[in-house]
C-alpha atoms as a PDB file:
ATOM      1  CA  MET A   1     271.976 -35.211  40.608  1.00  0.00           C
ATOM      2  CA  LYS A   2     267.737 -36.281  40.877  1.00  0.00           C
ATOM      3  CA  GLN A   3     266.571 -37.613  44.581  1.00  0.00           C
ATOM      4  CA  PHE A   4     263.555 -40.332  45.325  1.00  0.00           C
ATOM      5  CA  TYR A   5     261.630 -40.512  48.517  1.00  0.00           C
ATOM      6  CA  THR A   6     260.214 -43.994  48.552  1.00  0.00           C
ATOM      7  CA  VAL A   7     258.042 -44.015  51.742  1.00  0.00           C
ATOM      8  CA  ASN A   8     256.644 -47.676  52.875  1.00  0.00           C
ATOM      9  CA  SER A   9     253.259 -47.503  53.627  1.00  0.00           C
ATOM     10  CA  GLU A  10     253.197 -50.720  56.757  1.00  0.00           C
ATOM     11  CA  LYS A  11     256.725 -48.779  58.263  1.00  0.00           C
ATOM     12  CA  ALA A  12     254.388 -45.305  58.050  1.00  0.00           C
ATOM     13  CA  GLN A  13     251.067 -47.075  59.778  1.00  0.00           C
ATOM     14  CA  GLY A  14     253.014 -49.599  62.273  1.00  0.00           C
ATOM     15  CA  SER A  15     252.802 -53.376  61.892  1.00  0.00           C
ATOM     16  CA  GLY A  16     249.888 -52.174  58.751  1.00  0.00           C
ATOM     17  CA  GLY A  17     247.125 -54.127  59.285  1.00  0.00           C
ATOM     18  CA  ASN A  18     245.602 -50.977  60.684  1.00  0.00           C
ATOM     19  CA  PHE A  19     246.681 -49.235  56.370  1.00  0.00           C
ATOM     20  CA  ARG A  20     244.423 -52.257  55.636  1.00  0.00           C
ATOM     21  CA  LEU A  21     242.196 -52.556  57.363  1.00  0.00           C
ATOM     22  CA  VAL A  22     241.201 -48.763  56.357  1.00  0.00           C
ATOM     23  CA  LYS A  23     241.770 -49.623  52.963  1.00  0.00           C
ATOM     24  CA  PHE A  24     238.792 -52.414  53.182  1.00  0.00           C
ATOM     25  CA  LYS A  25     236.622 -50.493  55.173  1.00  0.00           C
ATOM     26  CA  MET A  26     237.183 -47.821  52.166  1.00  0.00           C
ATOM     27  CA  ARG A  27     236.548 -50.327  48.768  1.00  0.00           C
ATOM     28  CA  LEU A  28     233.623 -51.547  50.735  1.00  0.00           C
ATOM     29  CA  PHE A  29     231.692 -48.419  51.463  1.00  0.00           C
ATOM     30  CA  LEU A  30     232.749 -47.429  48.137  1.00  0.00           C
ATOM     31  CA  LEU A  31     231.355 -50.685  46.769  1.00  0.00           C
ATOM     32  CA  LEU A  32     228.088 -50.331  48.753  1.00  0.00           C
ATOM     33  CA  LEU A  33     227.025 -46.782  48.069  1.00  0.00           C
ATOM     34  CA  THR A  34     227.420 -47.927  44.230  1.00  0.00           C
ATOM     35  CA  LEU A  35     225.116 -50.582  44.586  1.00  0.00           C
ATOM     36  CA  ALA A  36     222.893 -48.151  46.524  1.00  0.00           C
ATOM     37  CA  PHE A  37     222.226 -45.943  43.235  1.00  0.00           C
ATOM     38  CA  VAL A  38     222.169 -48.942  40.450  1.00  0.00           C
ATOM     39  CA  VAL A  39     219.589 -50.824  42.130  1.00  0.00           C
ATOM     40  CA  GLU A  40     215.856 -49.944  40.087  1.00  0.00           C
ATOM     41  CA  GLY A  41     212.832 -49.414  42.120  1.00  0.00           C
ATOM     42  CA  PHE A  42     209.259 -49.681  40.955  1.00  0.00           C
ATOM     43  CA  PRO A  43     207.192 -47.661  41.662  1.00  0.00           C
ATOM     44  CA  GLN A  44     202.897 -48.061  41.953  1.00  0.00           C
ATOM     45  CA  THR A  45     201.479 -47.485  38.658  1.00  0.00           C
ATOM     46  CA  GLU A  46     198.001 -46.602  40.426  1.00  0.00           C
ATOM     47  CA  ALA A  47     196.443 -46.072  43.429  1.00  0.00           C
ATOM     48  CA  GLU A  48     193.976 -49.083  44.851  1.00  0.00           C
ATOM     49  CA  ALA A  49     190.611 -48.259  46.345  1.00  0.00           C
ATOM     50  CA  PHE A  50     190.539 -50.102  49.830  1.00  0.00           C
ATOM     51  CA  THR A  51     187.535 -52.551  49.960  1.00  0.00           C
ATOM     52  CA  ALA A  52     187.223 -52.228  54.531  1.00  0.00           C
ATOM     53  CA  LYS A  53     186.456 -48.871  55.527  1.00  0.00           C
ATOM     54  CA  ASN A  54     187.775 -50.127  59.264  1.00  0.00           C
ATOM     55  CA  ALA A  55     190.559 -51.633  61.207  1.00  0.00           C
ATOM     56  CA  VAL A  56     191.389 -52.580  64.447  1.00  0.00           C
ATOM     57  CA  TYR A  57     195.182 -53.107  65.456  1.00  0.00           C
ATOM     58  CA  ALA A  58     197.422 -54.672  68.280  1.00  0.00           C
ATOM     59  CA  GLU A  59     200.916 -54.080  68.717  1.00  0.00           C
ATOM     60  CA  LEU A  60     202.951 -55.224  71.230  1.00  0.00           C
ATOM     61  CA  GLY A  61     206.481 -54.274  72.734  1.00  0.00           C
ATOM     62  CA  GLY A  62     206.678 -52.094  69.071  1.00  0.00           C
ATOM     63  CA  ASN A  63     207.608 -48.271  69.146  1.00  0.00           C
ATOM     64  CA  ALA A  64     204.886 -47.230  72.445  1.00  0.00           C
ATOM     65  CA  GLY A  65     206.581 -49.926  74.434  1.00  0.00           C
ATOM     66  CA  ARG A  66     204.571 -52.335  76.227  1.00  0.00           C
ATOM     67  CA  TYR A  67     201.623 -52.511  73.579  1.00  0.00           C
ATOM     68  CA  ALA A  68     199.277 -50.307  71.376  1.00  0.00           C
ATOM     69  CA  ALA A  69     195.501 -50.642  70.254  1.00  0.00           C
ATOM     70  CA  ASN A  70     194.180 -48.652  68.136  1.00  0.00           C
ATOM     71  CA  TYR A  71     191.732 -48.483  65.240  1.00  0.00           C
ATOM     72  CA  ALA A  72     191.126 -46.746  61.729  1.00  0.00           C
ATOM     73  CA  ARG A  73     188.747 -45.731  59.897  1.00  0.00           C
ATOM     74  CA  ILE A  74     188.433 -44.319  55.989  1.00  0.00           C
ATOM     75  CA  PHE A  75     186.087 -41.476  55.301  1.00  0.00           C
ATOM     76  CA  HIS A  76     186.123 -41.076  51.771  1.00  0.00           C
ATOM     77  CA  GLN A  77     188.358 -42.733  49.595  1.00  0.00           C
ATOM     78  CA  LYS A  78     188.321 -40.848  45.150  1.00  0.00           C
ATOM     79  CA  GLY A  79     190.823 -41.153  42.879  1.00  0.00           C
ATOM     80  CA  LYS A  80     194.704 -40.566  44.975  1.00  0.00           C
ATOM     81  CA  LEU A  81     192.865 -38.940  47.824  1.00  0.00           C
ATOM     82  CA  LYS A  82     191.733 -40.745  51.032  1.00  0.00           C
ATOM     83  CA  LEU A  83     190.201 -39.383  54.106  1.00  0.00           C
ATOM     84  CA  SER A  84     191.052 -40.939  57.153  1.00  0.00           C
ATOM     85  CA  ALA A  85     191.451 -40.206  60.781  1.00  0.00           C
ATOM     86  CA  SER A  86     192.779 -43.154  63.167  1.00  0.00           C
ATOM     87  CA  ALA A  87     192.590 -43.277  67.590  1.00  0.00           C
ATOM     88  CA  GLY A  88     194.593 -45.317  69.754  1.00  0.00           C
ATOM     89  CA  PHE A  89     195.923 -46.170  73.745  1.00  0.00           C
ATOM     90  CA  SER A  90     199.318 -47.525  74.260  1.00  0.00           C
ATOM     91  CA  MET A  91     201.040 -48.052  77.015  1.00  0.00           C
END
């Protein structure tokens, strides 16, 4: 004589709503994970030469907190090599 045991998922999980929510979240996660690997990127083919050697910019409410003022200078650029320096003040 064979015995079969069956478990009703709704009775095992209470009302069943929690089980459905977990199942939905798992499917959504797997879909997003799959899309992350399907998306194709477009790499840069060649470095572009900058025409502006100096840059002055201001930032309000960003990483600095209240505000920031910065200055940047490109000293040398040839091919893929770029030498630059920057200084700034933030509060």
